[in-house]
Amino acid sequence: MESAPEVVEVANGPQAGTQDVGPRAVIRDTIHTTLNAGGYWLPIEGQHAIADAIVKLRNEEVEKWRRKAVDRGLELGRLQRTVELVEATAHSWLDDHNGTDCARAVLHALTAYQPKE
């Protein structure tokens, strides 16, 4: 009588011989594959140097975009605060001076085009 094959449980995790999937490794692998497909060869140190340069450029671009987003967010916050102050001033002017056409026009302009949520 044959016995059933023994099932061995293996913990999930990186397997021996698997490739790194980080950006630098993917770029280096792409360089290696592209060069080989074209019949060219470049020492591994050269491939790593190119991959490092590309990652550095990518990181610099990401940082530029992040800074631009932060600056725009701060600017929008300042603009929103300015609008709130103008609106409060117009309301105050209406309350203190029995209204004026100018204050009403300001309030109308501020409320005519409310941003969509």
PDB file of N, CA and C in Angstrom:
ATOM      1  N   MET A   1       0.835  -1.154   0.000  1.00  0.00           N
ATOM      2  CA  MET A   1       0.000   0.000   0.000  1.00  0.00           C
ATOM      3  C   MET A   1       0.902   1.248   0.000  1.00  0.00           C
ATOM      4  N   GLU A   2       0.576   2.199  -0.906  1.00  0.00           N
ATOM      5  CA  GLU A   2       1.364   3.433  -0.991  1.00  0.00           C
ATOM      6  C   GLU A   2       0.794   4.475  -0.056  1.00  0.00           C
ATOM      7  N   SER A   3       1.673   5.209   0.570  1.00  0.00           N
ATOM      8  CA  SER A   3       1.194   6.279   1.450  1.00  0.00           C
ATOM      9  C   SER A   3       1.138   7.587   0.661  1.00  0.00           C
ATOM     10  N   ALA A   4       0.284   8.494   1.117  1.00  0.00           N
ATOM     11  CA  ALA A   4       0.142   9.802   0.465  1.00  0.00           C
ATOM     12  C   ALA A   4       1.427  10.592   0.671  1.00  0.00           C
ATOM     13  N   PRO A   5       1.785  11.409  -0.325  1.00  0.00           N
ATOM     14  CA  PRO A   5       2.994  12.220  -0.165  1.00  0.00           C
ATOM     15  C   PRO A   5       2.829  13.191   1.002  1.00  0.00           C
ATOM     16  N   GLU A   6       3.919  13.398   1.702  1.00  0.00           N
ATOM     17  CA  GLU A   6       3.892  14.282   2.853  1.00  0.00           C
ATOM     18  C   GLU A   6       3.847  15.736   2.387  1.00  0.00           C
ATOM     19  N   VAL A   7       2.968  16.535   2.981  1.00  0.00           N
ATOM     20  CA  VAL A   7       2.853  17.954   2.653  1.00  0.00           C
ATOM     21  C   VAL A   7       3.674  18.735   3.654  1.00  0.00           C
ATOM     22  N   VAL A   8       4.553  19.558   3.132  1.00  0.00           N
ATOM     23  CA  VAL A   8       5.413  20.364   3.988  1.00  0.00           C
ATOM     24  C   VAL A   8       4.933  21.803   3.900  1.00  0.00           C
ATOM     25  N   GLU A   9       4.650  22.412   5.042  1.00  0.00           N
ATOM     26  CA  GLU A   9       4.228  23.807   5.049  1.00  0.00           C
ATOM     27  C   GLU A   9       5.458  24.704   5.072  1.00  0.00           C
ATOM     28  N   VAL A  10       5.401  25.748   4.250  1.00  0.00           N
ATOM     29  CA  VAL A  10       6.500  26.697   4.155  1.00  0.00           C
ATOM     30  C   VAL A  10       5.955  28.077   4.505  1.00  0.00           C
ATOM     31  N   ALA A  11       6.676  28.802   5.304  1.00  0.00           N
ATOM     32  CA  ALA A  11       6.254  30.157   5.680  1.00  0.00           C
ATOM     33  C   ALA A  11       6.341  31.073   4.472  1.00  0.00           C
ATOM     34  N   ASN A  12       5.381  31.994   4.367  1.00  0.00           N
ATOM     35  CA  ASN A  12       5.432  32.993   3.293  1.00  0.00           C
ATOM     36  C   ASN A  12       6.593  33.934   3.533  1.00  0.00           C
ATOM     37  N   GLY A  13       7.164  34.421   2.455  1.00  0.00           N
ATOM     38  CA  GLY A  13       8.278  35.351   2.571  1.00  0.00           C
ATOM     39  C   GLY A  13       9.150  35.249   1.346  1.00  0.00           C
ATOM     40  N   PRO A  14      10.217  36.006   1.306  1.00  0.00           N
ATOM     41  CA  PRO A  14      11.096  35.963   0.152  1.00  0.00           C
ATOM     42  C   PRO A  14      11.685  34.569  -0.037  1.00  0.00           C
ATOM     43  N   GLN A  15      11.744  34.156  -1.256  1.00  0.00           N
ATOM     44  CA  GLN A  15      12.311  32.861  -1.583  1.00  0.00           C
ATOM     45  C   GLN A  15      13.764  33.047  -2.007  1.00  0.00           C
ATOM     46  N   ALA A  16      14.546  32.051  -1.776  1.00  0.00           N
ATOM     47  CA  ALA A  16      15.953  32.106  -2.177  1.00  0.00           C
ATOM     48  C   ALA A  16      16.034  32.264  -3.686  1.00  0.00           C
ATOM     49  N   GLY A  17      16.872  33.163  -4.116  1.00  0.00           N
ATOM     50  CA  GLY A  17      17.086  33.340  -5.546  1.00  0.00           C
ATOM     51  C   GLY A  17      16.096  34.290  -6.201  1.00  0.00           C
ATOM     52  N   THR A  18      15.208  34.912  -5.438  1.00  0.00           N
ATOM     53  CA  THR A  18      14.275  35.850  -6.047  1.00  0.00           C
ATOM     54  C   THR A  18      14.978  37.172  -6.303  1.00  0.00           C
ATOM     55  N   GLN A  19      14.457  37.916  -7.255  1.00  0.00           N
ATOM     56  CA  GLN A  19      15.061  39.189  -7.606  1.00  0.00           C
ATOM     57  C   GLN A  19      14.490  40.303  -6.744  1.00  0.00           C
ATOM     58  N   ASP A  20      15.329  41.299  -6.498  1.00  0.00           N
ATOM     59  CA  ASP A  20      14.891  42.511  -5.801  1.00  0.00           C
ATOM     60  C   ASP A  20      13.924  43.250  -6.720  1.00  0.00           C
ATOM     61  N   VAL A  21      12.856  43.804  -6.143  1.00  0.00           N
ATOM     62  CA  VAL A  21      11.879  44.523  -6.965  1.00  0.00           C
ATOM     63  C   VAL A  21      11.905  46.023  -6.684  1.00  0.00           C
ATOM     64  N   GLY A  22      12.924  46.512  -6.009  1.00  0.00           N
ATOM     65  CA  GLY A  22      13.048  47.949  -5.764  1.00  0.00           C
ATOM     66  C   GLY A  22      13.308  48.682  -7.075  1.00  0.00           C
ATOM     67  N   PRO A  23      13.058  49.989  -7.097  1.00  0.00           N
ATOM     68  CA  PRO A  23      13.230  50.777  -8.326  1.00  0.00           C
ATOM     69  C   PRO A  23      14.622  50.643  -8.933  1.00  0.00           C
ATOM     70  N   ARG A  24      15.645  50.690  -8.099  1.00  0.00           N
ATOM     71  CA  ARG A  24      17.019  50.593  -8.606  1.00  0.00           C
ATOM     72  C   ARG A  24      17.249  49.250  -9.302  1.00  0.00           C
ATOM     73  N   ALA A  25      16.761  48.167  -8.679  1.00  0.00           N
ATOM     74  CA  ALA A  25      16.938  46.829  -9.257  1.00  0.00           C
ATOM     75  C   ALA A  25      16.167  46.683 -10.560  1.00  0.00           C
ATOM     76  N   VAL A  26      14.958  47.224 -10.603  1.00  0.00           N
ATOM     77  CA  VAL A  26      14.155  47.134 -11.831  1.00  0.00           C
ATOM     78  C   VAL A  26      14.830  47.912 -12.955  1.00  0.00           C
ATOM     79  N   ILE A  27      15.339  49.093 -12.645  1.00  0.00           N
ATOM     80  CA  ILE A  27      16.029  49.900 -13.657  1.00  0.00           C
ATOM     81  C   ILE A  27      17.284  49.180 -14.124  1.00  0.00           C
ATOM     82  N   ARG A  28      18.068  48.627 -13.189  1.00  0.00           N
ATOM     83  CA  ARG A  28      19.285  47.916 -13.576  1.00  0.00           C
ATOM     84  C   ARG A  28      18.969  46.715 -14.440  1.00  0.00           C
ATOM     85  N   ASP A  29      17.895  45.994 -14.089  1.00  0.00           N
ATOM     86  CA  ASP A  29      17.492  44.831 -14.875  1.00  0.00           C
ATOM     87  C   ASP A  29      17.057  45.249 -16.281  1.00  0.00           C
ATOM     88  N   THR A  30      16.359  46.369 -16.377  1.00  0.00           N
ATOM     89  CA  THR A  30      15.931  46.877 -17.687  1.00  0.00           C
ATOM     90  C   THR A  30      17.143  47.258 -18.537  1.00  0.00           C
ATOM     91  N   ILE A  31      18.118  47.910 -17.914  1.00  0.00           N
ATOM     92  CA  ILE A  31      19.346  48.273 -18.630  1.00  0.00           C
ATOM     93  C   ILE A  31      20.039  47.014 -19.125  1.00  0.00           C
ATOM     94  N   HIS A  32      20.196  46.042 -18.234  1.00  0.00           N
ATOM     95  CA  HIS A  32      20.868  44.785 -18.588  1.00  0.00           C
ATOM     96  C   HIS A  32      20.150  44.087 -19.747  1.00  0.00           C
ATOM     97  N   THR A  33      18.831  43.953 -19.640  1.00  0.00           N
ATOM     98  CA  THR A  33      18.052  43.260 -20.672  1.00  0.00           C
ATOM     99  C   THR A  33      18.134  43.993 -22.014  1.00  0.00           C
ATOM    100  N   THR A  34      18.024  45.323 -21.962  1.00  0.00           N
ATOM    101  CA  THR A  34      18.063  46.124 -23.189  1.00  0.00           C
ATOM    102  C   THR A  34      19.426  46.020 -23.872  1.00  0.00           C
ATOM    103  N   LEU A  35      20.483  46.123 -23.084  1.00  0.00           N
ATOM    104  CA  LEU A  35      21.825  46.007 -23.666  1.00  0.00           C
ATOM    105  C   LEU A  35      22.044  44.624 -24.280  1.00  0.00           C
ATOM    106  N   ASN A  36      21.653  43.589 -23.536  1.00  0.00           N
ATOM    107  CA  ASN A  36      21.827  42.226 -24.051  1.00  0.00           C
ATOM    108  C   ASN A  36      21.038  42.009 -25.330  1.00  0.00           C
ATOM    109  N   ALA A  37      19.801  42.535 -25.376  1.00  0.00           N
ATOM    110  CA  ALA A  37      18.976  42.368 -26.578  1.00  0.00           C
ATOM    111  C   ALA A  37      19.618  43.047 -27.788  1.00  0.00           C
ATOM    112  N   GLY A  38      20.343  44.127 -27.526  1.00  0.00           N
ATOM    113  CA  GLY A  38      21.025  44.835 -28.608  1.00  0.00           C
ATOM    114  C   GLY A  38      22.403  44.269 -28.915  1.00  0.00           C
ATOM    115  N   GLY A  39      22.814  43.244 -28.203  1.00  0.00           N
ATOM    116  CA  GLY A  39      24.112  42.634 -28.434  1.00  0.00           C
ATOM    117  C   GLY A  39      25.259  43.368 -27.742  1.00  0.00           C
ATOM    118  N   TYR A  40      24.930  44.177 -26.744  1.00  0.00           N
ATOM    119  CA  TYR A  40      25.953  44.928 -26.033  1.00  0.00           C
ATOM    120  C   TYR A  40      26.162  44.355 -24.644  1.00  0.00           C
ATOM    121  N   TRP A  41      27.289  44.717 -24.068  1.00  0.00           N
ATOM    122  CA  TRP A  41      27.611  44.263 -22.725  1.00  0.00           C
ATOM    123  C   TRP A  41      28.179  45.439 -21.950  1.00  0.00           C
ATOM    124  N   LEU A  42      27.796  45.543 -20.694  1.00  0.00           N
ATOM    125  CA  LEU A  42      28.322  46.580 -19.814  1.00  0.00           C
ATOM    126  C   LEU A  42      28.565  45.931 -18.463  1.00  0.00           C
ATOM    127  N   PRO A  43      29.732  46.170 -17.862  1.00  0.00           N
ATOM    128  CA  PRO A  43      30.005  45.576 -16.551  1.00  0.00           C
ATOM    129  C   PRO A  43      28.914  45.971 -15.546  1.00  0.00           C
ATOM    130  N   ILE A  44      28.707  45.113 -14.563  1.00  0.00           N
ATOM    131  CA  ILE A  44      27.661  45.325 -13.564  1.00  0.00           C
ATOM    132  C   ILE A  44      27.833  46.655 -12.851  1.00  0.00           C
ATOM    133  N   GLU A  45      29.088  47.085 -12.637  1.00  0.00           N
ATOM    134  CA  GLU A  45      29.323  48.362 -11.978  1.00  0.00           C
ATOM    135  C   GLU A  45      28.766  49.517 -12.811  1.00  0.00           C
ATOM    136  N   GLY A  46      28.926  49.422 -14.118  1.00  0.00           N
ATOM    137  CA  GLY A  46      28.394  50.450 -15.022  1.00  0.00           C
ATOM    138  C   GLY A  46      26.874  50.452 -15.017  1.00  0.00           C
ATOM    139  N   GLN A  47      26.280  49.256 -14.987  1.00  0.00           N
ATOM    140  CA  GLN A  47      24.818  49.152 -14.933  1.00  0.00           C
ATOM    141  C   GLN A  47      24.296  49.773 -13.636  1.00  0.00           C
ATOM    142  N   HIS A  48      24.986  49.490 -12.530  1.00  0.00           N
ATOM    143  CA  HIS A  48      24.583  50.054 -11.242  1.00  0.00           C
ATOM    144  C   HIS A  48      24.737  51.581 -11.242  1.00  0.00           C
ATOM    145  N   ALA A  49      25.798  52.082 -11.852  1.00  0.00           N
ATOM    146  CA  ALA A  49      26.018  53.536 -11.896  1.00  0.00           C
ATOM    147  C   ALA A  49      24.895  54.226 -12.681  1.00  0.00           C
ATOM    148  N   ILE A  50      24.507  53.628 -13.803  1.00  0.00           N
ATOM    149  CA  ILE A  50      23.411  54.194 -14.595  1.00  0.00           C
ATOM    150  C   ILE A  50      22.108  54.140 -13.805  1.00  0.00           C
ATOM    151  N   ALA A  51      21.825  53.009 -13.175  1.00  0.00           N
ATOM    152  CA  ALA A  51      20.600  52.870 -12.382  1.00  0.00           C
ATOM    153  C   ALA A  51      20.580  53.883 -11.242  1.00  0.00           C
ATOM    154  N   ASP A  52      21.701  54.067 -10.567  1.00  0.00           N
ATOM    155  CA  ASP A  52      21.778  55.040  -9.473  1.00  0.00           C
ATOM    156  C   ASP A  52      21.501  56.458  -9.971  1.00  0.00           C
ATOM    157  N   ALA A  53      22.062  56.802 -11.136  1.00  0.00           N
ATOM    158  CA  ALA A  53      21.847  58.143 -11.701  1.00  0.00           C
ATOM    159  C   ALA A  53      20.370  58.354 -12.049  1.00  0.00           C
ATOM    160  N   ILE A  54      19.726  57.337 -12.610  1.00  0.00           N
ATOM    161  CA  ILE A  54      18.307  57.448 -12.967  1.00  0.00           C
ATOM    162  C   ILE A  54      17.445  57.576 -11.713  1.00  0.00           C
ATOM    163  N   VAL A  55      17.733  56.787 -10.690  1.00  0.00           N
ATOM    164  CA  VAL A  55      16.976  56.868  -9.431  1.00  0.00           C
ATOM    165  C   VAL A  55      17.154  58.249  -8.810  1.00  0.00           C
ATOM    166  N   LYS A  56      18.372  58.787  -8.848  1.00  0.00           N
ATOM    167  CA  LYS A  56      18.627  60.116  -8.282  1.00  0.00           C
ATOM    168  C   LYS A  56      17.812  61.174  -9.021  1.00  0.00           C
ATOM    169  N   LEU A  57      17.796  61.115 -10.353  1.00  0.00           N
ATOM    170  CA  LEU A  57      17.007  62.071 -11.140  1.00  0.00           C
ATOM    171  C   LEU A  57      15.520  61.935 -10.824  1.00  0.00           C
ATOM    172  N   ARG A  58      15.044  60.706 -10.708  1.00  0.00           N
ATOM    173  CA  ARG A  58      13.637  60.460 -10.391  1.00  0.00           C
ATOM    174  C   ARG A  58      13.301  61.035  -9.025  1.00  0.00           C
ATOM    175  N   ASN A  59      14.169  60.814  -8.045  1.00  0.00           N
ATOM    176  CA  ASN A  59      13.929  61.331  -6.695  1.00  0.00           C
ATOM    177  C   ASN A  59      13.920  62.860  -6.673  1.00  0.00           C
ATOM    178  N   GLU A  60      14.798  63.475  -7.462  1.00  0.00           N
ATOM    179  CA  GLU A  60      14.825  64.939  -7.538  1.00  0.00           C
ATOM    180  C   GLU A  60      13.527  65.468  -8.140  1.00  0.00           C
ATOM    181  N   GLU A  61      13.024  64.793  -9.179  1.00  0.00           N
ATOM    182  CA  GLU A  61      11.756  65.206  -9.790  1.00  0.00           C
ATOM    183  C   GLU A  61      10.598  65.034  -8.813  1.00  0.00           C
ATOM    184  N   VAL A  62      10.585  63.936  -8.081  1.00  0.00           N
ATOM    185  CA  VAL A  62       9.531  63.701  -7.089  1.00  0.00           C
ATOM    186  C   VAL A  62       9.572  64.802  -6.033  1.00  0.00           C
ATOM    187  N   GLU A  63      10.749  65.177  -5.587  1.00  0.00           N
ATOM    188  CA  GLU A  63      10.881  66.231  -4.574  1.00  0.00           C
ATOM    189  C   GLU A  63      10.394  67.573  -5.122  1.00  0.00           C
ATOM    190  N   LYS A  64      10.700  67.870  -6.387  1.00  0.00           N
ATOM    191  CA  LYS A  64      10.213  69.119  -6.992  1.00  0.00           C
ATOM    192  C   LYS A  64       8.690  69.145  -7.016  1.00  0.00           C
ATOM    193  N   TRP A  65       8.081  68.026  -7.416  1.00  0.00           N
ATOM    194  CA  TRP A  65       6.613  67.947  -7.459  1.00  0.00           C
ATOM    195  C   TRP A  65       6.027  68.056  -6.053  1.00  0.00           C
ATOM    196  N   ARG A  66       6.661  67.442  -5.063  1.00  0.00           N
ATOM    197  CA  ARG A  66       6.169  67.516  -3.690  1.00  0.00           C
ATOM    198  C   ARG A  66       6.213  68.951  -3.183  1.00  0.00           C
ATOM    199  N   ARG A  67       7.336  69.626  -3.429  1.00  0.00           N
ATOM    200  CA  ARG A  67       7.466  71.017  -2.990  1.00  0.00           C
ATOM    201  C   ARG A  67       6.428  71.912  -3.662  1.00  0.00           C
ATOM    202  N   LYS A  68       6.225  71.688  -4.961  1.00  0.00           N
ATOM    203  CA  LYS A  68       5.237  72.473  -5.695  1.00  0.00           C
ATOM    204  C   LYS A  68       3.843  72.245  -5.118  1.00  0.00           C
ATOM    205  N   ALA A  69       3.507  71.004  -4.792  1.00  0.00           N
ATOM    206  CA  ALA A  69       2.194  70.691  -4.211  1.00  0.00           C
ATOM    207  C   ALA A  69       2.027  71.360  -2.852  1.00  0.00           C
ATOM    208  N   VAL A  70       3.072  71.329  -2.029  1.00  0.00           N
ATOM    209  CA  VAL A  70       3.006  71.975  -0.711  1.00  0.00           C
ATOM    210  C   VAL A  70       2.824  73.483  -0.881  1.00  0.00           C
ATOM    211  N   ASP A  71       3.605  74.087  -1.776  1.00  0.00           N
ATOM    212  CA  ASP A  71       3.490  75.532  -2.011  1.00  0.00           C
ATOM    213  C   ASP A  71       2.092  75.904  -2.492  1.00  0.00           C
ATOM    214  N   ARG A  72       1.538  75.111  -3.392  1.00  0.00           N
ATOM    215  CA  ARG A  72       0.186  75.394  -3.898  1.00  0.00           C
ATOM    216  C   ARG A  72      -0.849  75.227  -2.793  1.00  0.00           C
ATOM    217  N   GLY A  73      -0.677  74.224  -1.949  1.00  0.00           N
ATOM    218  CA  GLY A  73      -1.590  74.035  -0.827  1.00  0.00           C
ATOM    219  C   GLY A  73      -1.550  75.218   0.123  1.00  0.00           C
ATOM    220  N   LEU A  74      -0.349  75.715   0.429  1.00  0.00           N
ATOM    221  CA  LEU A  74      -0.221  76.881   1.299  1.00  0.00           C
ATOM    222  C   LEU A  74      -0.853  78.113   0.664  1.00  0.00           C
ATOM    223  N   GLU A  75      -0.636  78.284  -0.630  1.00  0.00           N
ATOM    224  CA  GLU A  75      -1.212  79.426  -1.334  1.00  0.00           C
ATOM    225  C   GLU A  75      -2.738  79.352  -1.326  1.00  0.00           C
ATOM    226  N   LEU A  76      -3.284  78.164  -1.564  1.00  0.00           N
ATOM    227  CA  LEU A  76      -4.738  78.017  -1.515  1.00  0.00           C
ATOM    228  C   LEU A  76      -5.279  78.331  -0.130  1.00  0.00           C
ATOM    229  N   GLY A  77      -4.569  77.911   0.896  1.00  0.00           N
ATOM    230  CA  GLY A  77      -4.982  78.225   2.264  1.00  0.00           C
ATOM    231  C   GLY A  77      -4.996  79.720   2.521  1.00  0.00           C
ATOM    232  N   ARG A  78      -3.975  80.422   2.041  1.00  0.00           N
ATOM    233  CA  ARG A  78      -3.927  81.884   2.211  1.00  0.00           C
ATOM    234  C   ARG A  78      -5.058  82.549   1.443  1.00  0.00           C
ATOM    235  N   LEU A  79      -5.322  82.068   0.219  1.00  0.00           N
ATOM    236  CA  LEU A  79      -6.419  82.639  -0.573  1.00  0.00           C
ATOM    237  C   LEU A  79      -7.769  82.401   0.104  1.00  0.00           C
ATOM    238  N   GLN A  80      -7.966  81.202   0.628  1.00  0.00           N
ATOM    239  CA  GLN A  80      -9.213  80.889   1.323  1.00  0.00           C
ATOM    240  C   GLN A  80      -9.384  81.801   2.537  1.00  0.00           C
ATOM    241  N   ARG A  81      -8.315  82.013   3.287  1.00  0.00           N
ATOM    242  CA  ARG A  81      -8.379  82.891   4.459  1.00  0.00           C
ATOM    243  C   ARG A  81      -8.693  84.326   4.034  1.00  0.00           C
ATOM    244  N   THR A  82      -8.115  84.786   2.935  1.00  0.00           N
ATOM    245  CA  THR A  82      -8.399  86.131   2.433  1.00  0.00           C
ATOM    246  C   THR A  82      -9.875  86.268   2.081  1.00  0.00           C
ATOM    247  N   VAL A  83     -10.426  85.275   1.406  1.00  0.00           N
ATOM    248  CA  VAL A  83     -11.846  85.304   1.056  1.00  0.00           C
ATOM    249  C   VAL A  83     -12.703  85.347   2.316  1.00  0.00           C
ATOM    250  N   GLU A  84     -12.347  84.560   3.312  1.00  0.00           N
ATOM    251  CA  GLU A  84     -13.102  84.560   4.577  1.00  0.00           C
ATOM    252  C   GLU A  84     -13.062  85.932   5.236  1.00  0.00           C
ATOM    253  N   LEU A  85     -11.898  86.585   5.227  1.00  0.00           N
ATOM    254  CA  LEU A  85     -11.773  87.911   5.829  1.00  0.00           C
ATOM    255  C   LEU A  85     -12.586  88.950   5.068  1.00  0.00           C
ATOM    256  N   VAL A  86     -12.549  88.905   3.736  1.00  0.00           N
ATOM    257  CA  VAL A  86     -13.329  89.844   2.924  1.00  0.00           C
ATOM    258  C   VAL A  86     -14.819  89.638   3.173  1.00  0.00           C
ATOM    259  N   GLU A  87     -15.242  88.377   3.224  1.00  0.00           N
ATOM    260  CA  GLU A  87     -16.653  88.092   3.479  1.00  0.00           C
ATOM    261  C   GLU A  87     -17.065  88.598   4.861  1.00  0.00           C
ATOM    262  N   ALA A  88     -16.249  88.361   5.879  1.00  0.00           N
ATOM    263  CA  ALA A  88     -16.562  88.833   7.234  1.00  0.00           C
ATOM    264  C   ALA A  88     -16.630  90.357   7.272  1.00  0.00           C
ATOM    265  N   THR A  89     -15.705  91.003   6.569  1.00  0.00           N
ATOM    266  CA  THR A  89     -15.702  92.465   6.525  1.00  0.00           C
ATOM    267  C   THR A  89     -16.964  92.986   5.852  1.00  0.00           C
ATOM    268  N   ALA A  90     -17.372  92.362   4.757  1.00  0.00           N
ATOM    269  CA  ALA A  90     -18.585  92.793   4.055  1.00  0.00           C
ATOM    270  C   ALA A  90     -19.810  92.604   4.949  1.00  0.00           C
ATOM    271  N   HIS A  91     -19.899  91.466   5.644  1.00  0.00           N
ATOM    272  CA  HIS A  91     -21.017  91.242   6.572  1.00  0.00           C
ATOM    273  C   HIS A  91     -21.014  92.299   7.674  1.00  0.00           C
ATOM    274  N   SER A  92     -19.851  92.577   8.221  1.00  0.00           N
ATOM    275  CA  SER A  92     -19.735  93.559   9.284  1.00  0.00           C
ATOM    276  C   SER A  92     -20.158  94.940   8.776  1.00  0.00           C
ATOM    277  N   TRP A  93     -19.740  95.274   7.584  1.00  0.00           N
ATOM    278  CA  TRP A  93     -20.088  96.572   7.003  1.00  0.00           C
ATOM    279  C   TRP A  93     -21.600  96.681   6.821  1.00  0.00           C
ATOM    280  N   LEU A  94     -22.224  95.613   6.343  1.00  0.00           N
ATOM    281  CA  LEU A  94     -23.676  95.614   6.167  1.00  0.00           C
ATOM    282  C   LEU A  94     -24.375  95.806   7.516  1.00  0.00           C
ATOM    283  N   ASP A  95     -23.889  95.100   8.542  1.00  0.00           N
ATOM    284  CA  ASP A  95     -24.506  95.180   9.863  1.00  0.00           C
ATOM    285  C   ASP A  95     -24.328  96.564  10.494  1.00  0.00           C
ATOM    286  N   ASP A  96     -23.147  97.164  10.340  1.00  0.00           N
ATOM    287  CA  ASP A  96     -22.840  98.432  11.002  1.00  0.00           C
ATOM    288  C   ASP A  96     -23.353  99.658  10.254  1.00  0.00           C
ATOM    289  N   HIS A  97     -23.596  99.540   8.969  1.00  0.00           N
ATOM    290  CA  HIS A  97     -23.936 100.723   8.165  1.00  0.00           C
ATOM    291  C   HIS A  97     -25.276 100.578   7.451  1.00  0.00           C
ATOM    292  N   ASN A  98     -26.133  99.715   7.939  1.00  0.00           N
ATOM    293  CA  ASN A  98     -27.440  99.495   7.309  1.00  0.00           C
ATOM    294  C   ASN A  98     -27.298  99.119   5.839  1.00  0.00           C
ATOM    295  N   GLY A  99     -26.178  98.480   5.512  1.00  0.00           N
ATOM    296  CA  GLY A  99     -25.966  97.967   4.162  1.00  0.00           C
ATOM    297  C   GLY A  99     -25.533  99.033   3.185  1.00  0.00           C
ATOM    298  N   THR A 100     -24.757  98.631   2.223  1.00  0.00           N
ATOM    299  CA  THR A 100     -24.371  99.492   1.103  1.00  0.00           C
ATOM    300  C   THR A 100     -24.335  98.619  -0.135  1.00  0.00           C
ATOM    301  N   ASP A 101     -24.467  99.259  -1.271  1.00  0.00           N
ATOM    302  CA  ASP A 101     -24.426  98.509  -2.523  1.00  0.00           C
ATOM    303  C   ASP A 101     -23.076  97.814  -2.706  1.00  0.00           C
ATOM    304  N   CYS A 102     -21.997  98.452  -2.257  1.00  0.00           N
ATOM    305  CA  CYS A 102     -20.653  97.878  -2.406  1.00  0.00           C
ATOM    306  C   CYS A 102     -20.533  96.592  -1.587  1.00  0.00           C
ATOM    307  N   ALA A 103     -20.952  96.639  -0.332  1.00  0.00           N
ATOM    308  CA  ALA A 103     -20.845  95.444   0.512  1.00  0.00           C
ATOM    309  C   ALA A 103     -21.723  94.332  -0.027  1.00  0.00           C
ATOM    310  N   ARG A 104     -22.920  94.679  -0.497  1.00  0.00           N
ATOM    311  CA  ARG A 104     -23.803  93.658  -1.095  1.00  0.00           C
ATOM    312  C   ARG A 104     -23.169  93.057  -2.343  1.00  0.00           C
ATOM    313  N   ALA A 105     -22.529  93.883  -3.146  1.00  0.00           N
ATOM    314  CA  ALA A 105     -21.871  93.395  -4.366  1.00  0.00           C
ATOM    315  C   ALA A 105     -20.734  92.444  -4.019  1.00  0.00           C
ATOM    316  N   VAL A 106     -19.985  92.786  -2.967  1.00  0.00           N
ATOM    317  CA  VAL A 106     -18.884  91.910  -2.539  1.00  0.00           C
ATOM    318  C   VAL A 106     -19.436  90.566  -2.102  1.00  0.00           C
ATOM    319  N   LEU A 107     -20.476  90.575  -1.268  1.00  0.00           N
ATOM    320  CA  LEU A 107     -21.064  89.315  -0.797  1.00  0.00           C
ATOM    321  C   LEU A 107     -21.640  88.514  -1.949  1.00  0.00           C
ATOM    322  N   HIS A 108     -22.294  89.209  -2.875  1.00  0.00           N
ATOM    323  CA  HIS A 108     -22.848  88.504  -4.031  1.00  0.00           C
ATOM    324  C   HIS A 108     -21.722  87.845  -4.847  1.00  0.00           C
ATOM    325  N   ALA A 109     -20.650  88.579  -5.051  1.00  0.00           N
ATOM    326  CA  ALA A 109     -19.521  88.041  -5.821  1.00  0.00           C
ATOM    327  C   ALA A 109     -18.913  86.829  -5.119  1.00  0.00           C
ATOM    328  N   LEU A 110     -18.837  86.884  -3.800  1.00  0.00           N
ATOM    329  CA  LEU A 110     -18.239  85.767  -3.053  1.00  0.00           C
ATOM    330  C   LEU A 110     -19.126  84.536  -3.019  1.00  0.00           C
ATOM    331  N   THR A 111     -20.437  84.727  -3.046  1.00  0.00           N
ATOM    332  CA  THR A 111     -21.358  83.596  -2.932  1.00  0.00           C
ATOM    333  C   THR A 111     -21.899  83.127  -4.272  1.00  0.00           C
ATOM    334  N   ALA A 112     -21.657  83.863  -5.326  1.00  0.00           N
ATOM    335  CA  ALA A 112     -22.214  83.505  -6.640  1.00  0.00           C
ATOM    336  C   ALA A 112     -21.624  82.208  -7.183  1.00  0.00           C
ATOM    337  N   TYR A 113     -20.381  81.978  -6.940  1.00  0.00           N
ATOM    338  CA  TYR A 113     -19.705  80.791  -7.487  1.00  0.00           C
ATOM    339  C   TYR A 113     -19.069  80.006  -6.362  1.00  0.00           C
ATOM    340  N   GLN A 114     -19.872  79.326  -5.600  1.00  0.00           N
ATOM    341  CA  GLN A 114     -19.367  78.511  -4.506  1.00  0.00           C
ATOM    342  C   GLN A 114     -18.641  77.285  -5.058  1.00  0.00           C
ATOM    343  N   PRO A 115     -17.486  76.947  -4.488  1.00  0.00           N
ATOM    344  CA  PRO A 115     -16.777  75.747  -4.968  1.00  0.00           C
ATOM    345  C   PRO A 115     -17.612  74.500  -4.698  1.00  0.00           C
ATOM    346  N   LYS A 116     -17.523  73.556  -5.603  1.00  0.00           N
ATOM    347  CA  LYS A 116     -18.250  72.301  -5.446  1.00  0.00           C
ATOM    348  C   LYS A 116     -17.485  71.391  -4.501  1.00  0.00           C
ATOM    349  N   GLU A 117     -18.194  70.746  -3.626  1.00  0.00           N
ATOM    350  CA  GLU A 117     -17.567  69.833  -2.657  1.00  0.00           C
ATOM    351  C   GLU A 117     -17.293  68.505  -3.322  1.00  0.00           C
TER     352      GLU A 117
END
